[in-house]
N, C-alpha and C. Protein backbone atom coordinates (compact mmCIF):
# COMPACT_ATOMS: atom_id res chain seq x y z
N MET A 1 167.73 213.77 -114.55
CA MET A 1 166.49 213.85 -113.80
C MET A 1 165.45 214.55 -114.66
N GLY A 2 164.76 215.54 -114.17
CA GLY A 2 163.77 216.25 -114.96
C GLY A 2 162.36 215.72 -114.81
N LEU A 3 162.21 214.48 -114.36
CA LEU A 3 160.87 213.92 -114.17
C LEU A 3 160.42 214.15 -112.73
N GLU A 4 159.13 214.30 -112.55
CA GLU A 4 158.57 214.45 -111.20
C GLU A 4 157.51 213.39 -110.97
N CYS A 5 157.40 212.94 -109.73
CA CYS A 5 156.37 211.99 -109.34
C CYS A 5 155.02 212.68 -109.41
N LYS A 6 154.05 212.03 -110.02
CA LYS A 6 152.71 212.62 -110.12
C LYS A 6 151.97 212.59 -108.78
N SER A 7 152.41 211.71 -107.89
CA SER A 7 151.76 211.60 -106.58
C SER A 7 152.28 212.62 -105.57
N CYS A 8 153.62 212.70 -105.45
CA CYS A 8 154.17 213.56 -104.39
C CYS A 8 155.00 214.73 -104.93
N GLY A 9 155.35 214.72 -106.22
CA GLY A 9 156.12 215.82 -106.80
C GLY A 9 157.62 215.71 -106.60
N ALA A 10 158.11 214.62 -106.04
CA ALA A 10 159.55 214.44 -105.82
C ALA A 10 160.25 214.19 -107.15
N PRO A 11 161.49 214.63 -107.29
CA PRO A 11 162.24 214.36 -108.52
C PRO A 11 162.51 212.86 -108.66
N LEU A 12 162.44 212.37 -109.91
CA LEU A 12 162.63 210.95 -110.19
C LEU A 12 163.87 210.74 -111.04
N PRO A 13 164.61 209.66 -110.80
CA PRO A 13 165.68 209.28 -111.72
C PRO A 13 165.07 208.85 -113.07
N ASN A 14 165.85 208.90 -114.14
CA ASN A 14 165.33 208.59 -115.47
C ASN A 14 164.78 207.17 -115.60
N GLN A 15 165.42 206.19 -115.00
CA GLN A 15 165.01 204.79 -115.17
C GLN A 15 164.22 204.26 -113.97
N ALA A 16 163.63 205.11 -113.17
CA ALA A 16 162.92 204.67 -111.97
C ALA A 16 161.62 203.98 -112.34
N ALA A 17 161.34 202.84 -111.68
CA ALA A 17 160.07 202.15 -111.86
C ALA A 17 159.07 202.59 -110.80
N THR A 18 159.59 203.01 -109.64
CA THR A 18 158.75 203.53 -108.56
C THR A 18 159.41 204.79 -108.00
N CYS A 19 158.62 205.61 -107.37
CA CYS A 19 159.13 206.84 -106.76
C CYS A 19 159.93 206.48 -105.52
N PRO A 20 161.16 206.98 -105.39
CA PRO A 20 161.95 206.68 -104.20
C PRO A 20 161.39 207.34 -102.94
N ALA A 21 160.59 208.40 -103.07
CA ALA A 21 160.06 209.10 -101.90
C ALA A 21 158.77 208.47 -101.38
N CYS A 22 157.82 208.19 -102.28
CA CYS A 22 156.53 207.69 -101.81
C CYS A 22 156.22 206.27 -102.25
N GLY A 23 156.98 205.72 -103.21
CA GLY A 23 156.76 204.34 -103.65
C GLY A 23 155.70 204.18 -104.72
N ALA A 24 155.17 205.27 -105.23
CA ALA A 24 154.15 205.19 -106.27
C ALA A 24 154.78 204.70 -107.57
N ALA A 25 154.02 203.93 -108.33
CA ALA A 25 154.50 203.42 -109.61
C ALA A 25 154.63 204.55 -110.61
N VAL A 26 155.70 204.52 -111.39
CA VAL A 26 155.93 205.53 -112.43
C VAL A 26 155.44 204.94 -113.74
N PRO A 27 154.51 205.62 -114.43
CA PRO A 27 154.03 205.07 -115.70
C PRO A 27 155.14 205.09 -116.74
N LYS A 28 155.18 204.02 -117.56
CA LYS A 28 156.20 203.93 -118.61
C LYS A 28 155.78 204.79 -119.78
N LYS A 29 156.78 205.35 -120.46
CA LYS A 29 156.50 206.13 -121.65
C LYS A 29 156.12 205.18 -122.78
N MET A 30 155.13 205.58 -123.55
CA MET A 30 154.71 204.77 -124.68
C MET A 30 155.62 205.05 -125.87
N LYS A 31 156.10 204.00 -126.50
CA LYS A 31 156.96 204.17 -127.67
C LYS A 31 156.07 204.44 -128.87
N LEU A 32 156.38 205.47 -129.62
CA LEU A 32 155.54 205.89 -130.74
C LEU A 32 155.84 205.16 -132.04
N LEU A 33 157.02 204.61 -132.19
CA LEU A 33 157.36 203.97 -133.46
C LEU A 33 156.45 202.78 -133.78
N PRO A 34 156.21 201.84 -132.86
CA PRO A 34 155.29 200.73 -133.20
C PRO A 34 153.87 201.22 -133.50
N LEU A 35 153.41 202.21 -132.77
CA LEU A 35 152.08 202.75 -133.02
C LEU A 35 152.02 203.43 -134.38
N ALA A 36 153.03 204.19 -134.72
CA ALA A 36 153.06 204.87 -136.02
C ALA A 36 153.13 203.86 -137.16
N ALA A 37 153.91 202.80 -137.01
CA ALA A 37 154.00 201.76 -138.04
C ALA A 37 152.65 201.07 -138.23
N PHE A 38 151.98 200.75 -137.13
CA PHE A 38 150.66 200.12 -137.21
C PHE A 38 149.65 201.03 -137.92
N MET A 39 149.65 202.30 -137.57
CA MET A 39 148.71 203.24 -138.19
C MET A 39 149.01 203.39 -139.68
N LEU A 40 150.29 203.39 -140.07
CA LEU A 40 150.65 203.48 -141.48
C LEU A 40 150.13 202.26 -142.25
N ILE A 41 150.28 201.08 -141.67
CA ILE A 41 149.77 199.87 -142.32
C ILE A 41 148.27 199.93 -142.47
N VAL A 42 147.56 200.37 -141.44
CA VAL A 42 146.10 200.48 -141.50
C VAL A 42 145.69 201.46 -142.59
N ILE A 43 146.36 202.59 -142.67
CA ILE A 43 146.04 203.60 -143.69
C ILE A 43 146.28 203.04 -145.09
N LEU A 44 147.39 202.32 -145.29
CA LEU A 44 147.69 201.75 -146.60
C LEU A 44 146.67 200.69 -147.01
N VAL A 45 146.22 199.87 -146.06
CA VAL A 45 145.22 198.86 -146.36
C VAL A 45 143.89 199.52 -146.73
N ILE A 46 143.50 200.53 -146.00
CA ILE A 46 142.26 201.25 -146.31
C ILE A 46 142.36 201.92 -147.66
N GLN A 47 143.50 202.53 -147.96
CA GLN A 47 143.68 203.19 -149.25
C GLN A 47 143.63 202.17 -150.39
N ALA A 48 144.24 201.01 -150.22
CA ALA A 48 144.21 199.98 -151.26
C ALA A 48 142.78 199.49 -151.48
N TYR A 49 142.02 199.35 -150.42
CA TYR A 49 140.63 198.91 -150.55
C TYR A 49 139.79 199.99 -151.24
N MET A 50 140.03 201.25 -150.93
CA MET A 50 139.25 202.34 -151.53
C MET A 50 139.57 202.50 -153.01
N ASN A 51 140.79 202.19 -153.44
CA ASN A 51 141.19 202.35 -154.84
C ASN A 51 140.87 201.13 -155.70
N LYS A 52 140.33 200.06 -155.09
CA LYS A 52 140.01 198.86 -155.85
C LYS A 52 138.87 199.16 -156.81
N PRO A 53 139.02 198.84 -158.11
CA PRO A 53 137.94 199.13 -159.05
C PRO A 53 136.73 198.23 -158.79
N GLU A 54 135.57 198.82 -158.85
CA GLU A 54 134.34 198.07 -158.64
C GLU A 54 133.87 197.50 -159.97
N PRO A 55 133.27 196.30 -159.96
CA PRO A 55 132.74 195.75 -161.21
C PRO A 55 131.56 196.60 -161.68
N GLU A 56 131.44 196.73 -162.99
CA GLU A 56 130.35 197.54 -163.54
C GLU A 56 129.02 196.84 -163.30
N ALA A 57 127.98 197.64 -163.07
CA ALA A 57 126.66 197.08 -162.76
C ALA A 57 126.06 196.37 -163.97
N GLY A 58 126.34 196.84 -165.19
CA GLY A 58 125.75 196.24 -166.38
C GLY A 58 126.59 195.12 -166.97
N ALA A 59 127.74 194.85 -166.40
CA ALA A 59 128.61 193.83 -166.95
C ALA A 59 128.03 192.44 -166.71
N VAL A 60 128.10 191.59 -167.73
CA VAL A 60 127.60 190.23 -167.63
C VAL A 60 128.81 189.32 -167.57
N GLU A 61 128.82 188.47 -166.54
CA GLU A 61 129.92 187.54 -166.41
C GLU A 61 129.67 186.34 -167.32
N PRO A 62 130.72 185.76 -167.90
CA PRO A 62 130.51 184.61 -168.77
C PRO A 62 130.01 183.41 -167.99
N ALA A 63 129.14 182.64 -168.65
CA ALA A 63 128.58 181.45 -168.02
C ALA A 63 129.65 180.37 -167.96
N PRO A 64 129.57 179.50 -166.96
CA PRO A 64 130.56 178.41 -166.88
C PRO A 64 130.40 177.49 -168.08
N ALA A 65 131.51 176.93 -168.52
CA ALA A 65 131.51 176.05 -169.69
C ALA A 65 130.74 174.77 -169.38
N ALA A 66 129.99 174.30 -170.36
CA ALA A 66 129.21 173.07 -170.19
C ALA A 66 130.15 171.87 -170.31
N THR A 67 129.91 170.87 -169.48
CA THR A 67 130.74 169.66 -169.54
C THR A 67 130.09 168.63 -170.45
N ALA A 68 130.82 167.64 -170.82
CA ALA A 68 130.33 166.58 -171.73
C ALA A 68 129.25 165.75 -171.07
N ALA A 69 129.23 165.66 -169.76
CA ALA A 69 128.26 164.83 -169.04
C ALA A 69 126.86 165.42 -169.08
N GLU A 70 126.76 166.70 -169.35
CA GLU A 70 125.43 167.33 -169.29
C GLU A 70 124.66 167.15 -170.53
């Protein structure tokens, strides 16, 4: 046990979906592992984007090669 109904304060069984005393819905506990994995992926993507080297402002890119038709 150990859980209490937020509506009436009655003790709740561990796997209860509703309170046996008043019938109020018991909110489900949020699992942290999927949330933590998602946040880790987001942080890694942001870090990879931040560490990407930027092209130099004065750098000149080579012109495309001329074809025989031109």
